[in-house]
N, C-alpha and C. Protein backbone atom coordinates (compact mmCIF):
# COMPACT_ATOMS: atom_id res chain seq x y z
N MET A 1 107.19 97.56 114.80
CA MET A 1 106.22 96.97 113.89
C MET A 1 106.95 96.50 112.66
N HIS A 2 106.31 95.60 111.92
CA HIS A 2 106.89 95.05 110.73
C HIS A 2 106.69 96.01 109.58
N GLY A 3 107.57 95.94 108.61
CA GLY A 3 107.47 96.77 107.42
C GLY A 3 108.78 97.44 107.11
N PRO A 4 108.85 98.17 106.00
CA PRO A 4 110.07 98.84 105.60
C PRO A 4 110.52 99.89 106.60
N ALA A 5 111.81 100.18 106.61
CA ALA A 5 112.37 101.08 107.63
C ALA A 5 111.98 102.54 107.39
N SER A 6 112.02 103.03 106.12
CA SER A 6 111.71 104.44 105.87
C SER A 6 110.31 104.85 106.31
N PRO A 7 109.26 104.12 105.89
CA PRO A 7 107.92 104.48 106.39
C PRO A 7 107.82 104.32 107.91
N GLY A 8 108.57 103.35 108.45
CA GLY A 8 108.56 103.17 109.91
C GLY A 8 109.08 104.40 110.62
N TRP A 9 110.17 104.96 110.11
CA TRP A 9 110.73 106.19 110.74
C TRP A 9 109.80 107.37 110.57
N LEU A 10 109.13 107.45 109.44
CA LEU A 10 108.16 108.54 109.25
C LEU A 10 107.02 108.39 110.26
N LEU A 11 106.61 107.15 110.48
CA LEU A 11 105.55 106.90 111.46
C LEU A 11 106.02 107.26 112.87
N VAL A 12 107.28 106.93 113.20
CA VAL A 12 107.84 107.32 114.50
C VAL A 12 107.83 108.82 114.64
N ALA A 13 108.27 109.54 113.61
CA ALA A 13 108.30 111.01 113.66
C ALA A 13 106.91 111.60 113.82
N LEU A 14 105.94 111.09 113.06
CA LEU A 14 104.58 111.58 113.14
C LEU A 14 104.00 111.36 114.55
N CYS A 15 104.19 110.17 115.08
CA CYS A 15 103.65 109.87 116.40
C CYS A 15 104.34 110.66 117.50
N ALA A 16 105.67 110.83 117.41
CA ALA A 16 106.38 111.60 118.41
C ALA A 16 105.98 113.07 118.36
N ALA A 17 105.82 113.61 117.15
CA ALA A 17 105.39 115.01 117.02
C ALA A 17 103.98 115.18 117.56
N THR A 18 103.12 114.23 117.30
CA THR A 18 101.75 114.28 117.84
C THR A 18 101.78 114.21 119.36
N GLY A 19 102.57 113.32 119.91
CA GLY A 19 102.70 113.23 121.36
C GLY A 19 103.21 114.53 121.97
N ALA A 20 104.20 115.15 121.30
CA ALA A 20 104.75 116.43 121.82
C ALA A 20 103.70 117.52 121.78
N TYR A 21 102.91 117.58 120.69
CA TYR A 21 101.83 118.56 120.63
C TYR A 21 100.82 118.34 121.73
N CYS A 22 100.50 117.06 122.00
CA CYS A 22 99.54 116.74 123.05
C CYS A 22 100.08 117.19 124.42
N LEU A 23 101.38 117.11 124.62
CA LEU A 23 101.96 117.62 125.86
C LEU A 23 101.73 119.13 125.97
N LEU A 24 101.87 119.83 124.85
CA LEU A 24 101.58 121.29 124.86
C LEU A 24 100.11 121.54 125.19
N ARG A 25 99.22 120.69 124.68
CA ARG A 25 97.80 120.85 124.96
C ARG A 25 97.48 120.66 126.43
N MET A 26 98.34 119.96 127.17
CA MET A 26 98.11 119.72 128.59
C MET A 26 98.21 121.01 129.41
N ARG A 27 98.70 122.09 128.81
CA ARG A 27 98.77 123.37 129.51
C ARG A 27 97.45 124.12 129.50
N SER A 28 96.44 123.54 128.86
CA SER A 28 95.12 124.17 128.76
C SER A 28 94.54 124.39 130.15
N THR A 29 93.66 125.38 130.26
CA THR A 29 93.00 125.65 131.53
C THR A 29 91.78 124.77 131.76
N ALA A 30 91.30 124.13 130.70
CA ALA A 30 90.14 123.25 130.81
C ALA A 30 90.59 121.87 131.31
N GLY A 31 90.07 121.43 132.45
CA GLY A 31 90.49 120.17 133.05
C GLY A 31 90.26 118.96 132.17
N GLU A 32 89.10 118.88 131.55
CA GLU A 32 88.77 117.75 130.69
C GLU A 32 89.71 117.70 129.48
N GLN A 33 90.03 118.85 128.94
CA GLN A 33 90.95 118.90 127.79
C GLN A 33 92.35 118.47 128.21
N ARG A 34 92.79 118.85 129.39
CA ARG A 34 94.10 118.42 129.91
C ARG A 34 94.17 116.90 130.04
N ARG A 35 93.11 116.33 130.59
CA ARG A 35 93.09 114.86 130.76
C ARG A 35 93.12 114.15 129.40
N ALA A 36 92.32 114.63 128.46
CA ALA A 36 92.29 114.02 127.12
C ALA A 36 93.67 114.17 126.45
N ALA A 37 94.27 115.35 126.59
CA ALA A 37 95.58 115.57 125.99
C ALA A 37 96.65 114.66 126.62
N GLY A 38 96.54 114.41 127.91
CA GLY A 38 97.49 113.52 128.58
C GLY A 38 97.38 112.10 128.04
N GLY A 39 96.15 111.63 127.88
CA GLY A 39 95.96 110.30 127.31
C GLY A 39 96.44 110.21 125.88
N GLU A 40 96.20 111.28 125.11
CA GLU A 40 96.64 111.29 123.72
C GLU A 40 98.16 111.39 123.63
N ALA A 41 98.80 112.08 124.55
CA ALA A 41 100.27 112.14 124.56
C ALA A 41 100.82 110.75 124.85
N LEU A 42 100.25 110.05 125.80
CA LEU A 42 100.67 108.68 126.07
C LEU A 42 100.53 107.83 124.83
N MET A 43 99.42 107.94 124.13
CA MET A 43 99.19 107.16 122.91
C MET A 43 100.22 107.55 121.84
N GLY A 44 100.46 108.84 121.66
CA GLY A 44 101.40 109.27 120.63
C GLY A 44 102.81 108.75 120.87
N PHE A 45 103.30 108.91 122.10
CA PHE A 45 104.66 108.45 122.39
C PHE A 45 104.74 106.91 122.39
N GLY A 46 103.68 106.25 122.89
CA GLY A 46 103.65 104.80 122.85
C GLY A 46 103.65 104.27 121.44
N MET A 47 102.88 104.92 120.57
CA MET A 47 102.84 104.53 119.16
C MET A 47 104.21 104.76 118.51
N ALA A 48 104.87 105.87 118.88
CA ALA A 48 106.20 106.13 118.32
C ALA A 48 107.18 105.02 118.74
N ALA A 49 107.11 104.61 119.98
CA ALA A 49 107.99 103.54 120.45
C ALA A 49 107.69 102.23 119.76
N MET A 50 106.42 101.94 119.55
CA MET A 50 106.03 100.68 118.90
C MET A 50 106.34 100.69 117.42
N ALA A 51 106.44 101.87 116.81
CA ALA A 51 106.63 101.95 115.37
C ALA A 51 108.12 101.92 114.96
N VAL A 52 109.03 101.91 115.89
CA VAL A 52 110.45 101.83 115.55
C VAL A 52 110.65 100.56 114.70
N PRO A 53 111.25 100.70 113.54
CA PRO A 53 111.41 99.54 112.65
C PRO A 53 112.13 98.38 113.33
N ALA A 54 111.62 97.18 113.07
CA ALA A 54 112.18 95.97 113.68
C ALA A 54 113.61 95.73 113.27
N ALA A 55 114.01 96.25 112.11
CA ALA A 55 115.42 96.10 111.65
C ALA A 55 116.36 96.87 112.55
N VAL A 56 115.88 97.90 113.20
CA VAL A 56 116.70 98.74 114.07
C VAL A 56 116.66 98.24 115.48
N LEU A 57 115.49 97.94 115.96
CA LEU A 57 115.33 97.51 117.36
C LEU A 57 114.20 96.51 117.43
N THR A 58 114.49 95.34 117.90
CA THR A 58 113.45 94.32 118.13
C THR A 58 113.33 94.15 119.65
N PRO A 59 112.28 94.74 120.22
CA PRO A 59 112.12 94.64 121.66
C PRO A 59 111.91 93.19 122.10
N PRO A 60 112.35 92.88 123.31
CA PRO A 60 112.09 91.51 123.82
C PRO A 60 110.59 91.33 124.09
N ARG A 61 110.20 90.09 124.24
CA ARG A 61 108.78 89.78 124.46
C ARG A 61 108.22 90.51 125.67
N TRP A 62 108.99 90.65 126.73
CA TRP A 62 108.50 91.32 127.95
C TRP A 62 108.14 92.78 127.67
N ALA A 63 108.86 93.43 126.73
CA ALA A 63 108.55 94.84 126.43
C ALA A 63 107.17 94.94 125.79
N TRP A 64 106.85 93.97 124.90
CA TRP A 64 105.52 93.99 124.29
C TRP A 64 104.43 93.73 125.34
N LEU A 65 104.77 92.89 126.31
CA LEU A 65 103.81 92.64 127.40
C LEU A 65 103.61 93.90 128.25
N VAL A 66 104.68 94.66 128.46
CA VAL A 66 104.53 95.94 129.17
C VAL A 66 103.65 96.90 128.39
N TYR A 67 103.87 97.00 127.07
CA TYR A 67 103.01 97.82 126.21
C TYR A 67 101.54 97.37 126.34
N THR A 68 101.35 96.05 126.32
CA THR A 68 100.00 95.52 126.42
C THR A 68 99.36 95.96 127.74
N ALA A 69 100.13 95.88 128.82
CA ALA A 69 99.59 96.28 130.14
C ALA A 69 99.31 97.77 130.21
N VAL A 70 100.21 98.59 129.66
CA VAL A 70 100.02 100.06 129.69
C VAL A 70 98.79 100.44 128.88
N PHE A 71 98.71 99.92 127.64
CA PHE A 71 97.57 100.30 126.82
C PHE A 71 96.28 99.63 127.26
N GLY A 72 96.39 98.45 127.86
CA GLY A 72 95.21 97.81 128.44
C GLY A 72 94.66 98.64 129.59
N THR A 73 95.57 99.16 130.43
CA THR A 73 95.15 100.04 131.52
C THR A 73 94.51 101.31 130.97
N ALA A 74 95.12 101.86 129.92
CA ALA A 74 94.52 103.07 129.29
C ALA A 74 93.13 102.76 128.72
N ALA A 75 92.97 101.56 128.18
CA ALA A 75 91.65 101.16 127.64
C ALA A 75 90.62 101.04 128.78
N LEU A 76 91.04 100.47 129.88
CA LEU A 76 90.11 100.36 131.02
C LEU A 76 89.77 101.75 131.55
N ARG A 77 90.74 102.65 131.58
CA ARG A 77 90.46 104.02 132.04
C ARG A 77 89.48 104.70 131.08
N ALA A 78 89.68 104.49 129.78
CA ALA A 78 88.77 105.07 128.79
C ALA A 78 87.39 104.45 128.89
N LEU A 79 87.33 103.16 129.17
CA LEU A 79 86.03 102.50 129.36
C LEU A 79 85.30 103.10 130.54
N TRP A 80 86.02 103.36 131.62
CA TRP A 80 85.42 103.98 132.81
C TRP A 80 84.92 105.40 132.47
N ALA A 81 85.68 106.11 131.64
CA ALA A 81 85.32 107.49 131.27
C ALA A 81 84.10 107.53 130.36
N THR A 82 83.78 106.44 129.67
CA THR A 82 82.63 106.46 128.78
C THR A 82 81.32 106.65 129.52
N ARG A 83 81.32 106.41 130.82
CA ARG A 83 80.09 106.59 131.59
C ARG A 83 79.69 108.06 131.63
N THR A 84 80.63 108.98 131.39
CA THR A 84 80.31 110.41 131.41
C THR A 84 79.94 110.95 130.03
N GLY A 85 80.20 110.18 129.01
CA GLY A 85 79.83 110.63 127.66
C GLY A 85 80.40 109.73 126.57
N PRO A 86 79.71 109.67 125.47
CA PRO A 86 80.14 108.77 124.38
C PRO A 86 81.40 109.23 123.65
N HIS A 87 81.83 110.49 123.85
CA HIS A 87 83.01 110.96 123.14
C HIS A 87 84.28 110.23 123.60
N HIS A 88 84.21 109.49 124.69
CA HIS A 88 85.39 108.73 125.15
C HIS A 88 85.51 107.37 124.46
N LEU A 89 84.51 107.01 123.67
CA LEU A 89 84.55 105.73 122.97
C LEU A 89 85.72 105.63 122.00
N HIS A 90 86.07 106.73 121.35
CA HIS A 90 87.20 106.68 120.42
C HIS A 90 88.52 106.44 121.18
N HIS A 91 88.65 107.08 122.34
CA HIS A 91 89.84 106.82 123.17
C HIS A 91 89.91 105.35 123.56
N LEU A 92 88.77 104.78 123.86
CA LEU A 92 88.70 103.36 124.20
C LEU A 92 89.14 102.52 123.01
N MET A 93 88.64 102.84 121.81
CA MET A 93 89.02 102.08 120.62
C MET A 93 90.52 102.21 120.33
N GLY A 94 91.06 103.40 120.49
CA GLY A 94 92.48 103.60 120.24
C GLY A 94 93.36 102.85 121.22
N ALA A 95 93.04 102.93 122.50
CA ALA A 95 93.82 102.23 123.50
C ALA A 95 93.67 100.71 123.34
N PHE A 96 92.47 100.26 123.03
CA PHE A 96 92.26 98.83 122.80
C PHE A 96 93.06 98.35 121.60
N ALA A 97 93.06 99.14 120.52
CA ALA A 97 93.82 98.76 119.32
C ALA A 97 95.31 98.65 119.64
N MET A 98 95.82 99.58 120.42
CA MET A 98 97.24 99.53 120.78
C MET A 98 97.55 98.33 121.66
N ALA A 99 96.68 98.04 122.62
CA ALA A 99 96.88 96.85 123.46
C ALA A 99 96.83 95.60 122.62
N TYR A 100 95.90 95.54 121.70
CA TYR A 100 95.75 94.38 120.81
C TYR A 100 97.02 94.19 119.95
N MET A 101 97.52 95.29 119.38
CA MET A 101 98.72 95.18 118.55
C MET A 101 99.93 94.74 119.38
N ALA A 102 100.06 95.30 120.57
CA ALA A 102 101.18 94.93 121.42
C ALA A 102 101.09 93.45 121.82
N PHE A 103 99.88 93.01 122.14
CA PHE A 103 99.69 91.61 122.48
C PHE A 103 100.02 90.70 121.29
N ALA A 104 99.61 91.10 120.10
CA ALA A 104 99.91 90.32 118.91
C ALA A 104 101.43 90.24 118.68
N MET A 105 102.12 91.33 118.96
CA MET A 105 103.57 91.31 118.80
C MET A 105 104.22 90.44 119.89
N ALA A 106 103.67 90.46 121.06
CA ALA A 106 104.23 89.61 122.15
C ALA A 106 103.98 88.15 121.86
N ALA A 107 102.84 87.84 121.26
CA ALA A 107 102.51 86.45 120.99
C ALA A 107 103.33 85.87 119.86
N SER A 108 103.79 86.72 118.93
CA SER A 108 104.52 86.21 117.79
C SER A 108 105.58 87.21 117.33
N PRO A 109 106.58 87.52 118.16
CA PRO A 109 107.59 88.50 117.77
C PRO A 109 108.42 87.99 116.58
N GLY A 110 108.71 88.91 115.66
CA GLY A 110 109.53 88.58 114.52
C GLY A 110 108.80 87.92 113.37
N HIS A 111 107.52 87.66 113.52
CA HIS A 111 106.76 87.03 112.45
C HIS A 111 105.71 88.00 111.92
N HIS A 112 105.46 87.89 110.63
CA HIS A 112 104.41 88.72 110.03
C HIS A 112 103.06 88.11 110.39
N HIS A 113 102.20 88.92 110.93
CA HIS A 113 100.85 88.45 111.28
C HIS A 113 99.96 88.51 110.06
N GLY A 114 99.12 87.56 109.93
CA GLY A 114 98.19 87.56 108.81
C GLY A 114 98.82 87.03 107.52
N SER A 115 100.06 86.56 107.56
CA SER A 115 100.69 86.03 106.35
C SER A 115 100.61 84.51 106.35
N GLY A 116 101.08 83.92 105.29
CA GLY A 116 101.06 82.47 105.20
C GLY A 116 99.68 81.90 104.93
N GLY A 117 98.81 82.65 104.28
CA GLY A 117 97.52 82.17 103.92
C GLY A 117 96.48 82.21 105.03
N SER A 118 96.86 82.71 106.20
CA SER A 118 95.91 82.73 107.30
C SER A 118 94.89 83.87 107.19
N GLY A 119 95.19 84.84 106.33
CA GLY A 119 94.29 85.96 106.15
C GLY A 119 94.39 86.93 107.31
N VAL A 120 93.48 87.89 107.33
CA VAL A 120 93.47 88.91 108.36
C VAL A 120 92.51 88.45 109.46
N PRO A 121 92.98 88.40 110.71
CA PRO A 121 92.06 88.01 111.78
C PRO A 121 90.86 88.95 111.84
N LEU A 122 89.76 88.41 112.30
CA LEU A 122 88.51 89.16 112.34
C LEU A 122 88.63 90.45 113.17
N LEU A 123 89.29 90.39 114.31
CA LEU A 123 89.44 91.58 115.15
C LEU A 123 90.29 92.65 114.45
N THR A 124 91.35 92.21 113.76
CA THR A 124 92.17 93.18 113.00
C THR A 124 91.31 93.82 111.92
N ALA A 125 90.53 93.04 111.23
CA ALA A 125 89.66 93.58 110.18
C ALA A 125 88.65 94.58 110.74
N ALA A 126 88.08 94.27 111.88
CA ALA A 126 87.13 95.18 112.51
C ALA A 126 87.80 96.50 112.91
N LEU A 127 89.00 96.40 113.46
CA LEU A 127 89.73 97.62 113.84
C LEU A 127 90.13 98.41 112.60
N LEU A 128 90.55 97.72 111.54
CA LEU A 128 90.86 98.41 110.28
C LEU A 128 89.63 99.14 109.75
N LEU A 129 88.49 98.51 109.80
CA LEU A 129 87.26 99.15 109.32
C LEU A 129 86.94 100.38 110.17
N TYR A 130 87.02 100.25 111.49
CA TYR A 130 86.73 101.37 112.38
C TYR A 130 87.67 102.55 112.10
N PHE A 131 88.97 102.28 112.07
CA PHE A 131 89.93 103.40 111.91
C PHE A 131 89.91 103.96 110.51
N THR A 132 89.59 103.17 109.51
CA THR A 132 89.41 103.73 108.15
C THR A 132 88.26 104.72 108.15
N GLY A 133 87.12 104.33 108.74
CA GLY A 133 86.01 105.24 108.84
C GLY A 133 86.31 106.46 109.66
N TYR A 134 87.04 106.27 110.75
CA TYR A 134 87.39 107.41 111.63
C TYR A 134 88.29 108.39 110.86
N VAL A 135 89.27 107.87 110.15
CA VAL A 135 90.20 108.74 109.41
C VAL A 135 89.45 109.52 108.32
N LEU A 136 88.58 108.84 107.59
CA LEU A 136 87.84 109.51 106.53
C LEU A 136 86.92 110.57 107.11
N LEU A 137 86.18 110.25 108.15
CA LEU A 137 85.28 111.21 108.78
C LEU A 137 86.04 112.36 109.40
N SER A 138 87.16 112.08 110.06
CA SER A 138 87.95 113.14 110.68
C SER A 138 88.55 114.07 109.62
N GLY A 139 88.95 113.49 108.49
CA GLY A 139 89.50 114.32 107.40
C GLY A 139 88.45 115.27 106.87
N VAL A 140 87.23 114.77 106.69
CA VAL A 140 86.15 115.64 106.21
C VAL A 140 85.84 116.74 107.25
N ARG A 141 85.80 116.37 108.51
CA ARG A 141 85.55 117.36 109.58
C ARG A 141 86.65 118.40 109.65
N LEU A 142 87.89 117.98 109.46
CA LEU A 142 89.02 118.90 109.53
C LEU A 142 88.95 119.91 108.40
N VAL A 143 88.59 119.45 107.21
CA VAL A 143 88.50 120.34 106.06
C VAL A 143 87.34 121.34 106.25
N SER A 144 86.32 120.93 106.96
CA SER A 144 85.14 121.82 107.12
C SER A 144 85.26 122.76 108.33
N VAL A 145 86.32 122.63 109.16
CA VAL A 145 86.48 123.52 110.31
C VAL A 145 86.95 124.88 109.83
N PRO A 146 86.21 125.95 110.20
CA PRO A 146 86.68 127.28 109.80
C PRO A 146 87.93 127.63 110.61
N VAL A 147 88.87 128.25 109.92
CA VAL A 147 90.10 128.66 110.60
C VAL A 147 89.80 129.87 111.44
N LEU A 148 90.22 129.83 112.70
CA LEU A 148 89.96 130.94 113.61
C LEU A 148 90.77 132.17 113.22
N ALA A 149 90.11 133.30 113.21
CA ALA A 149 90.82 134.55 112.92
C ALA A 149 91.67 134.92 114.14
N THR A 150 92.83 135.42 113.87
CA THR A 150 93.69 135.82 114.98
C THR A 150 93.55 137.30 115.25
N GLY A 151 93.13 137.60 116.44
CA GLY A 151 93.08 138.96 116.92
C GLY A 151 91.97 139.81 116.34
N GLY A 152 90.95 139.25 115.77
CA GLY A 152 89.90 140.09 115.19
C GLY A 152 88.54 139.77 115.80
N GLY A 153 87.54 140.50 115.35
CA GLY A 153 86.16 140.23 115.72
C GLY A 153 85.82 140.55 117.18
N GLY A 154 86.55 141.47 117.80
CA GLY A 154 86.20 141.89 119.15
C GLY A 154 86.59 140.87 120.21
N ARG A 155 87.33 139.88 119.88
CA ARG A 155 87.75 138.89 120.87
C ARG A 155 88.92 139.45 121.67
N THR A 156 89.05 138.98 122.86
CA THR A 156 90.12 139.49 123.72
C THR A 156 91.46 138.86 123.39
N GLY A 157 91.48 137.82 122.61
CA GLY A 157 92.72 137.17 122.22
C GLY A 157 92.45 135.87 121.53
N SER A 158 93.40 135.43 120.76
CA SER A 158 93.22 134.16 120.07
C SER A 158 93.58 133.01 121.01
N PRO A 159 93.02 131.85 120.74
CA PRO A 159 93.33 130.71 121.62
C PRO A 159 94.79 130.30 121.49
N GLY A 160 95.31 129.75 122.58
CA GLY A 160 96.68 129.25 122.55
C GLY A 160 96.79 128.01 121.69
N TRP A 161 98.00 127.57 121.45
CA TRP A 161 98.24 126.40 120.61
C TRP A 161 97.49 125.18 121.10
N GLY A 162 97.33 125.02 122.39
CA GLY A 162 96.67 123.86 122.91
C GLY A 162 95.16 123.90 122.81
N ASP A 163 94.61 125.06 122.54
CA ASP A 163 93.16 125.21 122.51
C ASP A 163 92.60 125.43 121.12
N ARG A 164 93.39 125.24 120.09
CA ARG A 164 92.92 125.45 118.73
C ARG A 164 92.24 124.19 118.21
N PRO A 165 90.94 124.25 117.94
CA PRO A 165 90.20 123.06 117.55
C PRO A 165 90.71 122.39 116.28
N GLU A 166 91.18 123.19 115.32
CA GLU A 166 91.66 122.58 114.08
C GLU A 166 92.97 121.79 114.32
N LEU A 167 93.79 122.25 115.26
CA LEU A 167 95.02 121.53 115.55
C LEU A 167 94.73 120.27 116.36
N VAL A 168 93.77 120.36 117.26
CA VAL A 168 93.36 119.16 118.01
C VAL A 168 92.84 118.11 117.06
N ARG A 169 92.01 118.51 116.10
CA ARG A 169 91.46 117.56 115.12
C ARG A 169 92.57 117.00 114.23
N ALA A 170 93.52 117.83 113.84
CA ALA A 170 94.64 117.34 113.04
C ALA A 170 95.49 116.35 113.83
N CYS A 171 95.66 116.62 115.10
CA CYS A 171 96.39 115.70 115.98
C CYS A 171 95.70 114.36 116.05
N ARG A 172 94.42 114.37 116.30
CA ARG A 172 93.66 113.12 116.37
C ARG A 172 93.61 112.41 115.05
N LEU A 173 93.51 113.14 113.95
CA LEU A 173 93.53 112.55 112.63
C LEU A 173 94.88 111.84 112.38
N SER A 174 95.97 112.51 112.73
CA SER A 174 97.28 111.90 112.49
C SER A 174 97.47 110.65 113.34
N MET A 175 96.93 110.61 114.55
CA MET A 175 97.02 109.39 115.36
C MET A 175 96.14 108.29 114.77
N GLY A 176 95.01 108.66 114.22
CA GLY A 176 94.15 107.67 113.56
C GLY A 176 94.83 107.08 112.33
N ILE A 177 95.51 107.93 111.55
CA ILE A 177 96.24 107.46 110.38
C ILE A 177 97.38 106.53 110.82
N ALA A 178 98.08 106.92 111.88
CA ALA A 178 99.17 106.09 112.37
C ALA A 178 98.66 104.74 112.87
N THR A 179 97.55 104.75 113.59
CA THR A 179 96.97 103.48 114.05
C THR A 179 96.57 102.60 112.88
N LEU A 180 95.96 103.21 111.89
CA LEU A 180 95.60 102.48 110.68
C LEU A 180 96.83 101.86 110.00
N ALA A 181 97.90 102.65 109.87
CA ALA A 181 99.14 102.14 109.26
C ALA A 181 99.72 101.00 110.05
N MET A 182 99.67 101.10 111.39
CA MET A 182 100.23 100.04 112.22
C MET A 182 99.37 98.78 112.15
N LEU A 183 98.08 98.94 112.04
CA LEU A 183 97.20 97.76 111.90
C LEU A 183 97.44 97.06 110.55
N ILE A 184 97.71 97.83 109.52
CA ILE A 184 97.95 97.25 108.21
C ILE A 184 99.23 96.42 108.22
N THR A 185 100.25 96.88 108.94
CA THR A 185 101.51 96.16 108.96
C THR A 185 101.56 95.04 110.00
N LEU A 186 100.49 94.90 110.77
CA LEU A 186 100.47 93.88 111.83
C LEU A 186 100.54 92.50 111.28
């Protein structure tokens, strides 16, 4: 993505750490949670790869087209999953945003999008609005989540790292922030 190298590397680190945590979440015993964690791990690592500063590595056009195909496929899978419940809509928006950004990079590698007086494309603005709202709402929800007590209250055990709701929300919040940052630099 375009932008300064230092924030780019921080974005790479955030996305890679989020992807790694999502891999840990895949060890959950709940099938639906494993599937969601797998999709989020793909998004985290894909975002990390896309966020590598252009000064360090400028992928060829075909690489951006591969990203577009991978995230487009993930978006179609999320679209199919929305038939079982509306909670998959955010996964659809995230995968669509990644496919859109990859396509924009394939269409104009090495150029700043939205510069030169052209303004922000309508789709980029809509995605920025959605992810800004998502980040703000997720932040409020994360702050309001009670921290689970470890080993108390007659429970047989505390949840594993992959099953802690506050960590799952923090993971999703960090991916939302990363998507927002990538959209801004598009």
